[in-house]
């Protein structure tokens, strides 16, 4: 089992996402964030489950999807670092990934 670390950018992304959804529905905002956290928990046992991010093409940078959201992570040395979470229609969500 690997450990999961949420990087500051990913935490900021979740807060922004929650605030945006909350404009329409506080309930749906809460559920969406819970579902994203739930999806990430699967990485503890299956860190290679995500596909390699096509725009980056690095086998250590992968992503899983929840609805229209891309959850990008780095898997290295038994550690999964959640790098960013963004809506799939915004390709600029990858701008800070190196």
PDB file of N, CA and C in Angstrom:
ATOM      1  N   UNK A   1       0.848  -1.184   0.000  1.00  0.00           N
ATOM      2  CA  UNK A   1       0.000   0.000   0.000  1.00  0.00           C
ATOM      3  C   UNK A   1       0.885   1.236   0.000  1.00  0.00           C
ATOM      4  N   UNK A   2       0.522   2.200  -0.813  1.00  0.00           N
ATOM      5  CA  UNK A   2       1.300   3.430  -0.916  1.00  0.00           C
ATOM      6  C   UNK A   2       0.629   4.548  -0.114  1.00  0.00           C
ATOM      7  N   UNK A   3       1.398   5.567   0.191  1.00  0.00           N
ATOM      8  CA  UNK A   3       0.827   6.724   0.887  1.00  0.00           C
ATOM      9  C   UNK A   3       0.388   7.760  -0.152  1.00  0.00           C
ATOM     10  N   UNK A   4      -0.599   8.539   0.224  1.00  0.00           N
ATOM     11  CA  UNK A   4      -1.128   9.580  -0.658  1.00  0.00           C
ATOM     12  C   UNK A   4      -0.876  10.939  -0.010  1.00  0.00           C
ATOM     13  N   UNK A   5      -0.295  11.824  -0.777  1.00  0.00           N
ATOM     14  CA  UNK A   5      -0.012  13.184  -0.326  1.00  0.00           C
ATOM     15  C   UNK A   5      -0.704  14.166  -1.265  1.00  0.00           C
ATOM     16  N   UNK A   6      -1.471  15.072  -0.702  1.00  0.00           N
ATOM     17  CA  UNK A   6      -2.125  16.114  -1.482  1.00  0.00           C
ATOM     18  C   UNK A   6      -1.207  17.325  -1.522  1.00  0.00           C
ATOM     19  N   UNK A   7      -0.755  17.680  -2.700  1.00  0.00           N
ATOM     20  CA  UNK A   7       0.121  18.836  -2.856  1.00  0.00           C
ATOM     21  C   UNK A   7      -0.698  20.123  -2.720  1.00  0.00           C
ATOM     22  N   UNK A   8      -0.049  21.220  -2.333  1.00  0.00           N
ATOM     23  CA  UNK A   8      -0.772  22.489  -2.131  1.00  0.00           C
ATOM     24  C   UNK A   8      -1.622  22.909  -3.327  1.00  0.00           C
ATOM     25  N   UNK A   9      -1.118  22.727  -4.542  1.00  0.00           N
ATOM     26  CA  UNK A   9      -1.894  23.123  -5.723  1.00  0.00           C
ATOM     27  C   UNK A   9      -3.192  22.320  -5.823  1.00  0.00           C
ATOM     28  N   UNK A  10      -3.130  21.026  -5.529  1.00  0.00           N
ATOM     29  CA  UNK A  10      -4.330  20.179  -5.608  1.00  0.00           C
ATOM     30  C   UNK A  10      -5.355  20.595  -4.553  1.00  0.00           C
ATOM     31  N   UNK A  11      -4.897  20.937  -3.374  1.00  0.00           N
ATOM     32  CA  UNK A  11      -5.802  21.399  -2.316  1.00  0.00           C
ATOM     33  C   UNK A  11      -6.467  22.716  -2.736  1.00  0.00           C
ATOM     34  N   UNK A  12      -5.660  23.596  -3.310  1.00  0.00           N
ATOM     35  CA  UNK A  12      -6.197  24.872  -3.809  1.00  0.00           C
ATOM     36  C   UNK A  12      -7.219  24.617  -4.914  1.00  0.00           C
ATOM     37  N   UNK A  13      -6.906  23.675  -5.801  1.00  0.00           N
ATOM     38  CA  UNK A  13      -7.830  23.335  -6.890  1.00  0.00           C
ATOM     39  C   UNK A  13      -9.164  22.836  -6.348  1.00  0.00           C
ATOM     40  N   UNK A  14      -9.125  21.997  -5.325  1.00  0.00           N
ATOM     41  CA  UNK A  14     -10.363  21.479  -4.738  1.00  0.00           C
ATOM     42  C   UNK A  14     -11.189  22.596  -4.106  1.00  0.00           C
ATOM     43  N   UNK A  15     -10.522  23.518  -3.440  1.00  0.00           N
ATOM     44  CA  UNK A  15     -11.233  24.643  -2.825  1.00  0.00           C
ATOM     45  C   UNK A  15     -11.906  25.498  -3.899  1.00  0.00           C
ATOM     46  N   UNK A  16     -11.194  25.763  -4.975  1.00  0.00           N
ATOM     47  CA  UNK A  16     -11.749  26.554  -6.078  1.00  0.00           C
ATOM     48  C   UNK A  16     -12.928  25.826  -6.711  1.00  0.00           C
ATOM     49  N   UNK A  17     -12.757  24.544  -6.939  1.00  0.00           N
ATOM     50  CA  UNK A  17     -13.822  23.727  -7.515  1.00  0.00           C
ATOM     51  C   UNK A  17     -15.059  23.718  -6.626  1.00  0.00           C
ATOM     52  N   UNK A  18     -14.855  23.514  -5.344  1.00  0.00           N
ATOM     53  CA  UNK A  18     -15.962  23.491  -4.395  1.00  0.00           C
ATOM     54  C   UNK A  18     -16.696  24.829  -4.360  1.00  0.00           C
ATOM     55  N   UNK A  19     -15.936  25.907  -4.307  1.00  0.00           N
ATOM     56  CA  UNK A  19     -16.548  27.239  -4.283  1.00  0.00           C
ATOM     57  C   UNK A  19     -17.375  27.501  -5.534  1.00  0.00           C
ATOM     58  N   UNK A  20     -16.888  27.055  -6.672  1.00  0.00           N
ATOM     59  CA  UNK A  20     -17.607  27.263  -7.930  1.00  0.00           C
ATOM     60  C   UNK A  20     -18.920  26.470  -7.953  1.00  0.00           C
ATOM     61  N   UNK A  21     -18.842  25.201  -7.593  1.00  0.00           N
ATOM     62  CA  UNK A  21     -20.043  24.365  -7.599  1.00  0.00           C
ATOM     63  C   UNK A  21     -21.037  24.853  -6.552  1.00  0.00           C
ATOM     64  N   UNK A  22     -20.514  25.340  -5.440  1.00  0.00           N
ATOM     65  CA  UNK A  22     -21.357  25.819  -4.349  1.00  0.00           C
ATOM     66  C   UNK A  22     -22.237  26.997  -4.764  1.00  0.00           C
ATOM     67  N   UNK A  23     -21.839  27.711  -5.799  1.00  0.00           N
ATOM     68  CA  UNK A  23     -22.665  28.814  -6.292  1.00  0.00           C
ATOM     69  C   UNK A  23     -24.046  28.311  -6.727  1.00  0.00           C
ATOM     70  N   UNK A  24     -24.088  27.071  -7.198  1.00  0.00           N
ATOM     71  CA  UNK A  24     -25.356  26.465  -7.603  1.00  0.00           C
ATOM     72  C   UNK A  24     -25.927  25.538  -6.537  1.00  0.00           C
ATOM     73  N   UNK A  25     -25.054  24.787  -5.878  1.00  0.00           N
ATOM     74  CA  UNK A  25     -25.536  23.797  -4.914  1.00  0.00           C
ATOM     75  C   UNK A  25     -24.456  23.427  -3.914  1.00  0.00           C
ATOM     76  N   UNK A  26     -24.660  23.809  -2.676  1.00  0.00           N
ATOM     77  CA  UNK A  26     -23.734  23.429  -1.613  1.00  0.00           C
ATOM     78  C   UNK A  26     -23.683  21.923  -1.429  1.00  0.00           C
ATOM     79  N   UNK A  27     -24.832  21.291  -1.570  1.00  0.00           N
ATOM     80  CA  UNK A  27     -24.912  19.832  -1.427  1.00  0.00           C
ATOM     81  C   UNK A  27     -24.083  19.143  -2.511  1.00  0.00           C
ATOM     82  N   UNK A  28     -24.259  19.560  -3.767  1.00  0.00           N
ATOM     83  CA  UNK A  28     -23.528  18.928  -4.857  1.00  0.00           C
ATOM     84  C   UNK A  28     -22.027  19.203  -4.753  1.00  0.00           C
ATOM     85  N   UNK A  29     -21.656  20.385  -4.267  1.00  0.00           N
ATOM     86  CA  UNK A  29     -20.240  20.703  -4.073  1.00  0.00           C
ATOM     87  C   UNK A  29     -19.621  19.723  -3.083  1.00  0.00           C
ATOM     88  N   UNK A  30     -20.319  19.483  -1.976  1.00  0.00           N
ATOM     89  CA  UNK A  30     -19.818  18.566  -0.953  1.00  0.00           C
ATOM     90  C   UNK A  30     -19.696  17.144  -1.505  1.00  0.00           C
ATOM     91  N   UNK A  31     -20.704  16.692  -2.218  1.00  0.00           N
ATOM     92  CA  UNK A  31     -20.698  15.341  -2.789  1.00  0.00           C
ATOM     93  C   UNK A  31     -19.572  15.187  -3.808  1.00  0.00           C
ATOM     94  N   UNK A  32     -19.376  16.181  -4.650  1.00  0.00           N
ATOM     95  CA  UNK A  32     -18.323  16.119  -5.671  1.00  0.00           C
ATOM     96  C   UNK A  32     -16.951  15.980  -5.029  1.00  0.00           C
ATOM     97  N   UNK A  33     -16.674  16.784  -4.016  1.00  0.00           N
ATOM     98  CA  UNK A  33     -15.380  16.710  -3.339  1.00  0.00           C
ATOM     99  C   UNK A  33     -15.220  15.353  -2.660  1.00  0.00           C
ATOM    100  N   UNK A  34     -16.259  14.852  -2.027  1.00  0.00           N
ATOM    101  CA  UNK A  34     -16.193  13.531  -1.392  1.00  0.00           C
ATOM    102  C   UNK A  34     -15.897  12.445  -2.420  1.00  0.00           C
ATOM    103  N   UNK A  35     -16.525  12.524  -3.571  1.00  0.00           N
ATOM    104  CA  UNK A  35     -16.316  11.516  -4.621  1.00  0.00           C
ATOM    105  C   UNK A  35     -14.891  11.581  -5.177  1.00  0.00           C
ATOM    106  N   UNK A  36     -14.339  12.777  -5.284  1.00  0.00           N
ATOM    107  CA  UNK A  36     -12.953  12.917  -5.739  1.00  0.00           C
ATOM    108  C   UNK A  36     -12.015  12.276  -4.729  1.00  0.00           C
ATOM    109  N   UNK A  37     -12.225  12.553  -3.439  1.00  0.00           N
ATOM    110  CA  UNK A  37     -11.397  11.922  -2.408  1.00  0.00           C
ATOM    111  C   UNK A  37     -11.541  10.402  -2.449  1.00  0.00           C
ATOM    112  N   UNK A  38     -12.745   9.931  -2.659  1.00  0.00           N
ATOM    113  CA  UNK A  38     -12.992   8.494  -2.729  1.00  0.00           C
ATOM    114  C   UNK A  38     -12.253   7.864  -3.915  1.00  0.00           C
ATOM    115  N   UNK A  39     -12.295   8.527  -5.059  1.00  0.00           N
ATOM    116  CA  UNK A  39     -11.590   8.022  -6.240  1.00  0.00           C
ATOM    117  C   UNK A  39     -10.092   7.927  -5.992  1.00  0.00           C
ATOM    118  N   UNK A  40      -9.548   8.918  -5.304  1.00  0.00           N
ATOM    119  CA  UNK A  40      -8.116   8.944  -5.011  1.00  0.00           C
ATOM    120  C   UNK A  40      -7.719   7.807  -4.056  1.00  0.00           C
ATOM    121  N   UNK A  41      -8.604   7.434  -3.156  1.00  0.00           N
ATOM    122  CA  UNK A  41      -8.289   6.369  -2.191  1.00  0.00           C
ATOM    123  C   UNK A  41      -7.966   5.043  -2.880  1.00  0.00           C
ATOM    124  N   UNK A  42      -8.518   4.811  -4.058  1.00  0.00           N
ATOM    125  CA  UNK A  42      -8.216   3.585  -4.805  1.00  0.00           C
ATOM    126  C   UNK A  42      -6.743   3.500  -5.185  1.00  0.00           C
ATOM    127  N   UNK A  43      -6.087   4.649  -5.254  1.00  0.00           N
ATOM    128  CA  UNK A  43      -4.674   4.670  -5.625  1.00  0.00           C
ATOM    129  C   UNK A  43      -3.787   4.049  -4.556  1.00  0.00           C
ATOM    130  N   UNK A  44      -4.257   3.974  -3.318  1.00  0.00           N
ATOM    131  CA  UNK A  44      -3.459   3.359  -2.255  1.00  0.00           C
ATOM    132  C   UNK A  44      -3.084   1.926  -2.610  1.00  0.00           C
ATOM    133  N   UNK A  45      -4.027   1.202  -3.163  1.00  0.00           N
ATOM    134  CA  UNK A  45      -3.786  -0.193  -3.515  1.00  0.00           C
ATOM    135  C   UNK A  45      -3.457  -0.403  -4.990  1.00  0.00           C
ATOM    136  N   UNK A  46      -3.859   0.541  -5.818  1.00  0.00           N
ATOM    137  CA  UNK A  46      -3.663   0.403  -7.262  1.00  0.00           C
ATOM    138  C   UNK A  46      -3.088   1.684  -7.860  1.00  0.00           C
ATOM    139  N   UNK A  47      -1.843   2.034  -7.526  1.00  0.00           N
ATOM    140  CA  UNK A  47      -1.286   3.315  -7.982  1.00  0.00           C
ATOM    141  C   UNK A  47      -1.092   3.419  -9.498  1.00  0.00           C
ATOM    142  N   UNK A  48      -1.042   2.293 -10.186  1.00  0.00           N
ATOM    143  CA  UNK A  48      -0.866   2.327 -11.641  1.00  0.00           C
ATOM    144  C   UNK A  48      -2.190   2.309 -12.397  1.00  0.00           C
ATOM    145  N   UNK A  49      -3.290   2.430 -11.675  1.00  0.00           N
ATOM    146  CA  UNK A  49      -4.610   2.350 -12.309  1.00  0.00           C
ATOM    147  C   UNK A  49      -4.848   3.495 -13.292  1.00  0.00           C
ATOM    148  N   UNK A  50      -4.252   4.623 -13.043  1.00  0.00           N
ATOM    149  CA  UNK A  50      -4.457   5.776 -13.920  1.00  0.00           C
ATOM    150  C   UNK A  50      -3.667   5.673 -15.207  1.00  0.00           C
ATOM    151  N   UNK A  51      -4.150   6.378 -16.204  1.00  0.00           N
ATOM    152  CA  UNK A  51      -3.426   6.388 -17.471  1.00  0.00           C
ATOM    153  C   UNK A  51      -2.313   7.431 -17.425  1.00  0.00           C
ATOM    154  N   UNK A  52      -1.319   7.246 -18.249  1.00  0.00           N
ATOM    155  CA  UNK A  52      -0.255   8.241 -18.386  1.00  0.00           C
ATOM    156  C   UNK A  52      -0.877   9.488 -19.012  1.00  0.00           C
ATOM    157  N   UNK A  53      -0.583  10.642 -18.443  1.00  0.00           N
ATOM    158  CA  UNK A  53      -1.132  11.899 -18.958  1.00  0.00           C
ATOM    159  C   UNK A  53      -0.565  12.120 -20.365  1.00  0.00           C
ATOM    160  N   UNK A  54      -1.422  12.110 -21.390  1.00  0.00           N
ATOM    161  CA  UNK A  54      -0.926  12.175 -22.767  1.00  0.00           C
ATOM    162  C   UNK A  54      -0.117  13.433 -23.089  1.00  0.00           C
ATOM    163  N   UNK A  55      -0.489  14.546 -22.511  1.00  0.00           N
ATOM    164  CA  UNK A  55       0.220  15.801 -22.809  1.00  0.00           C
ATOM    165  C   UNK A  55       1.627  15.828 -22.222  1.00  0.00           C
ATOM    166  N   UNK A  56       1.879  14.994 -21.226  1.00  0.00           N
ATOM    167  CA  UNK A  56       3.177  15.000 -20.548  1.00  0.00           C
ATOM    168  C   UNK A  56       4.019  13.791 -20.954  1.00  0.00           C
ATOM    169  N   UNK A  57       3.370  12.643 -21.148  1.00  0.00           N
ATOM    170  CA  UNK A  57       4.015  11.409 -21.591  1.00  0.00           C
ATOM    171  C   UNK A  57       5.171  10.974 -20.683  1.00  0.00           C
ATOM    172  N   UNK A  58       4.947  11.074 -19.391  1.00  0.00           N
ATOM    173  CA  UNK A  58       5.898  10.605 -18.387  1.00  0.00           C
ATOM    174  C   UNK A  58       5.216   9.466 -17.640  1.00  0.00           C
ATOM    175  N   UNK A  59       5.803   8.267 -17.609  1.00  0.00           N
ATOM    176  CA  UNK A  59       5.131   7.133 -16.973  1.00  0.00           C
ATOM    177  C   UNK A  59       4.855   7.315 -15.481  1.00  0.00           C
ATOM    178  N   UNK A  60       5.508   8.270 -14.858  1.00  0.00           N
ATOM    179  CA  UNK A  60       5.275   8.533 -13.436  1.00  0.00           C
ATOM    180  C   UNK A  60       4.157   9.547 -13.198  1.00  0.00           C
ATOM    181  N   UNK A  61       3.750  10.274 -14.235  1.00  0.00           N
ATOM    182  CA  UNK A  61       2.676  11.265 -14.112  1.00  0.00           C
ATOM    183  C   UNK A  61       1.436  10.637 -14.747  1.00  0.00           C
ATOM    184  N   UNK A  62       0.440  10.386 -13.912  1.00  0.00           N
ATOM    185  CA  UNK A  62      -0.759   9.683 -14.353  1.00  0.00           C
ATOM    186  C   UNK A  62      -1.998  10.461 -13.948  1.00  0.00           C
ATOM    187  N   UNK A  63      -3.140   9.978 -14.419  1.00  0.00           N
ATOM    188  CA  UNK A  63      -4.381  10.639 -14.049  1.00  0.00           C
ATOM    189  C   UNK A  63      -5.504   9.618 -13.951  1.00  0.00           C
ATOM    190  N   UNK A  64      -6.418   9.928 -13.049  1.00  0.00           N
ATOM    191  CA  UNK A  64      -7.678   9.210 -12.985  1.00  0.00           C
ATOM    192  C   UNK A  64      -8.765  10.251 -13.220  1.00  0.00           C
ATOM    193  N   UNK A  65      -9.920   9.773 -13.596  1.00  0.00           N
ATOM    194  CA  UNK A  65     -11.021  10.680 -13.904  1.00  0.00           C
ATOM    195  C   UNK A  65     -12.172  10.454 -12.937  1.00  0.00           C
ATOM    196  N   UNK A  66     -12.786  11.549 -12.554  1.00  0.00           N
ATOM    197  CA  UNK A  66     -14.073  11.490 -11.871  1.00  0.00           C
ATOM    198  C   UNK A  66     -14.982  12.447 -12.620  1.00  0.00           C
ATOM    199  N   UNK A  67     -15.987  11.899 -13.254  1.00  0.00           N
ATOM    200  CA  UNK A  67     -16.881  12.675 -14.126  1.00  0.00           C
ATOM    201  C   UNK A  67     -16.041  13.448 -15.128  1.00  0.00           C
ATOM    202  N   UNK A  68     -16.122  14.767 -15.134  1.00  0.00           N
ATOM    203  CA  UNK A  68     -15.351  15.578 -16.083  1.00  0.00           C
ATOM    204  C   UNK A  68     -14.079  16.141 -15.473  1.00  0.00           C
ATOM    205  N   UNK A  69     -13.667  15.615 -14.338  1.00  0.00           N
ATOM    206  CA  UNK A  69     -12.490  16.140 -13.644  1.00  0.00           C
ATOM    207  C   UNK A  69     -11.307  15.212 -13.803  1.00  0.00           C
ATOM    208  N   UNK A  70     -10.180  15.814 -14.081  1.00  0.00           N
ATOM    209  CA  UNK A  70      -8.926  15.071 -14.198  1.00  0.00           C
ATOM    210  C   UNK A  70      -8.169  15.239 -12.894  1.00  0.00           C
ATOM    211  N   UNK A  71      -7.774  14.140 -12.306  1.00  0.00           N
ATOM    212  CA  UNK A  71      -7.012  14.126 -11.057  1.00  0.00           C
ATOM    213  C   UNK A  71      -5.620  13.620 -11.430  1.00  0.00           C
ATOM    214  N   UNK A  72      -4.664  14.527 -11.463  1.00  0.00           N
ATOM    215  CA  UNK A  72      -3.329  14.214 -11.943  1.00  0.00           C
ATOM    216  C   UNK A  72      -2.424  13.953 -10.741  1.00  0.00           C
ATOM    217  N   UNK A  73      -1.668  12.868 -10.843  1.00  0.00           N
ATOM    218  CA  UNK A  73      -0.793  12.491  -9.734  1.00  0.00           C
ATOM    219  C   UNK A  73       0.548  11.969 -10.231  1.00  0.00           C
ATOM    220  N   UNK A  74       1.519  12.003  -9.330  1.00  0.00           N
ATOM    221  CA  UNK A  74       2.847  11.449  -9.597  1.00  0.00           C
ATOM    222  C   UNK A  74       3.007  10.231  -8.688  1.00  0.00           C
ATOM    223  N   UNK A  75       3.421   9.123  -9.270  1.00  0.00           N
ATOM    224  CA  UNK A  75       3.688   7.917  -8.488  1.00  0.00           C
ATOM    225  C   UNK A  75       5.181   7.663  -8.509  1.00  0.00           C
ATOM    226  N   UNK A  76       5.771   7.665  -7.313  1.00  0.00           N
ATOM    227  CA  UNK A  76       7.215   7.460  -7.206  1.00  0.00           C
ATOM    228  C   UNK A  76       7.537   6.975  -5.804  1.00  0.00           C
ATOM    229  N   UNK A  77       8.352   5.942  -5.723  1.00  0.00           N
ATOM    230  CA  UNK A  77       8.849   5.432  -4.437  1.00  0.00           C
ATOM    231  C   UNK A  77       7.736   5.164  -3.427  1.00  0.00           C
ATOM    232  N   UNK A  78       6.741   4.409  -3.805  1.00  0.00           N
ATOM    233  CA  UNK A  78       5.627   4.050  -2.914  1.00  0.00           C
ATOM    234  C   UNK A  78       4.869   5.260  -2.363  1.00  0.00           C
ATOM    235  N   UNK A  79       4.852   6.321  -3.150  1.00  0.00           N
ATOM    236  CA  UNK A  79       4.135   7.524  -2.738  1.00  0.00           C
ATOM    237  C   UNK A  79       3.374   8.088  -3.931  1.00  0.00           C
ATOM    238  N   UNK A  80       2.121   8.405  -3.710  1.00  0.00           N
ATOM    239  CA  UNK A  80       1.300   9.062  -4.720  1.00  0.00           C
ATOM    240  C   UNK A  80       1.115  10.509  -4.282  1.00  0.00           C
ATOM    241  N   UNK A  81       1.547  11.420  -5.117  1.00  0.00           N
ATOM    242  CA  UNK A  81       1.370  12.846  -4.852  1.00  0.00           C
ATOM    243  C   UNK A  81       0.301  13.377  -5.797  1.00  0.00           C
ATOM    244  N   UNK A  82      -0.804  13.833  -5.233  1.00  0.00           N
ATOM    245  CA  UNK A  82      -1.859  14.421  -6.047  1.00  0.00           C
ATOM    246  C   UNK A  82      -1.397  15.828  -6.411  1.00  0.00           C
ATOM    247  N   UNK A  83      -1.222  16.062  -7.704  1.00  0.00           N
ATOM    248  CA  UNK A  83      -0.634  17.316  -8.174  1.00  0.00           C
ATOM    249  C   UNK A  83      -1.658  18.397  -8.481  1.00  0.00           C
ATOM    250  N   UNK A  84      -2.750  18.013  -9.123  1.00  0.00           N
ATOM    251  CA  UNK A  84      -3.754  18.989  -9.525  1.00  0.00           C
ATOM    252  C   UNK A  84      -5.073  18.282  -9.812  1.00  0.00           C
ATOM    253  N   UNK A  85      -6.154  19.034  -9.716  1.00  0.00           N
ATOM    254  CA  UNK A  85      -7.486  18.550 -10.060  1.00  0.00           C
ATOM    255  C   UNK A  85      -8.132  19.665 -10.867  1.00  0.00           C
ATOM    256  N   UNK A  86      -8.608  19.324 -12.056  1.00  0.00           N
ATOM    257  CA  UNK A  86      -9.225  20.364 -12.883  1.00  0.00           C
ATOM    258  C   UNK A  86     -10.241  19.764 -13.830  1.00  0.00           C
ATOM    259  N   UNK A  87     -11.130  20.610 -14.319  1.00  0.00           N
ATOM    260  CA  UNK A  87     -12.154  20.192 -15.274  1.00  0.00           C
ATOM    261  C   UNK A  87     -11.470  19.883 -16.601  1.00  0.00           C
ATOM    262  N   UNK A  88     -11.874  18.811 -17.234  1.00  0.00           N
ATOM    263  CA  UNK A  88     -11.210  18.360 -18.459  1.00  0.00           C
ATOM    264  C   UNK A  88     -11.290  19.358 -19.610  1.00  0.00           C
ATOM    265  N   UNK A  89     -12.204  20.301 -19.560  1.00  0.00           N
ATOM    266  CA  UNK A  89     -12.298  21.293 -20.638  1.00  0.00           C
ATOM    267  C   UNK A  89     -11.215  22.369 -20.522  1.00  0.00           C
ATOM    268  N   UNK A  90     -10.480  22.390 -19.414  1.00  0.00           N
ATOM    269  CA  UNK A  90      -9.429  23.393 -19.197  1.00  0.00           C
ATOM    270  C   UNK A  90      -8.066  22.721 -19.275  1.00  0.00           C
ATOM    271  N   UNK A  91      -7.457  22.733 -20.445  1.00  0.00           N
ATOM    272  CA  UNK A  91      -6.149  22.124 -20.614  1.00  0.00           C
ATOM    273  C   UNK A  91      -5.068  22.880 -19.841  1.00  0.00           C
ATOM    274  N   UNK A  92      -5.334  24.125 -19.483  1.00  0.00           N
ATOM    275  CA  UNK A  92      -4.336  24.902 -18.749  1.00  0.00           C
ATOM    276  C   UNK A  92      -4.114  24.353 -17.341  1.00  0.00           C
ATOM    277  N   UNK A  93      -4.911  23.376 -16.928  1.00  0.00           N
ATOM    278  CA  UNK A  93      -4.730  22.778 -15.610  1.00  0.00           C
ATOM    279  C   UNK A  93      -3.400  22.062 -15.472  1.00  0.00           C
ATOM    280  N   UNK A  94      -2.736  21.790 -16.572  1.00  0.00           N
ATOM    281  CA  UNK A  94      -1.450  21.094 -16.543  1.00  0.00           C
ATOM    282  C   UNK A  94      -0.256  22.043 -16.586  1.00  0.00           C
ATOM    283  N   UNK A  95      -0.489  23.329 -16.615  1.00  0.00           N
ATOM    284  CA  UNK A  95       0.599  24.287 -16.833  1.00  0.00           C
ATOM    285  C   UNK A  95       1.682  24.252 -15.762  1.00  0.00           C
ATOM    286  N   UNK A  96       1.359  23.856 -14.561  1.00  0.00           N
ATOM    287  CA  UNK A  96       2.350  23.874 -13.481  1.00  0.00           C
ATOM    288  C   UNK A  96       2.959  22.499 -13.199  1.00  0.00           C
ATOM    289  N   UNK A  97       2.644  21.493 -14.025  1.00  0.00           N
ATOM    290  CA  UNK A  97       3.203  20.159 -13.849  1.00  0.00           C
ATOM    291  C   UNK A  97       4.545  20.089 -14.551  1.00  0.00           C
ATOM    292  N   UNK A  98       5.529  19.588 -13.847  1.00  0.00           N
ATOM    293  CA  UNK A  98       6.878  19.458 -14.439  1.00  0.00           C
ATOM    294  C   UNK A  98       7.346  18.042 -14.344  1.00  0.00           C
TER     295      UNK A  98
END
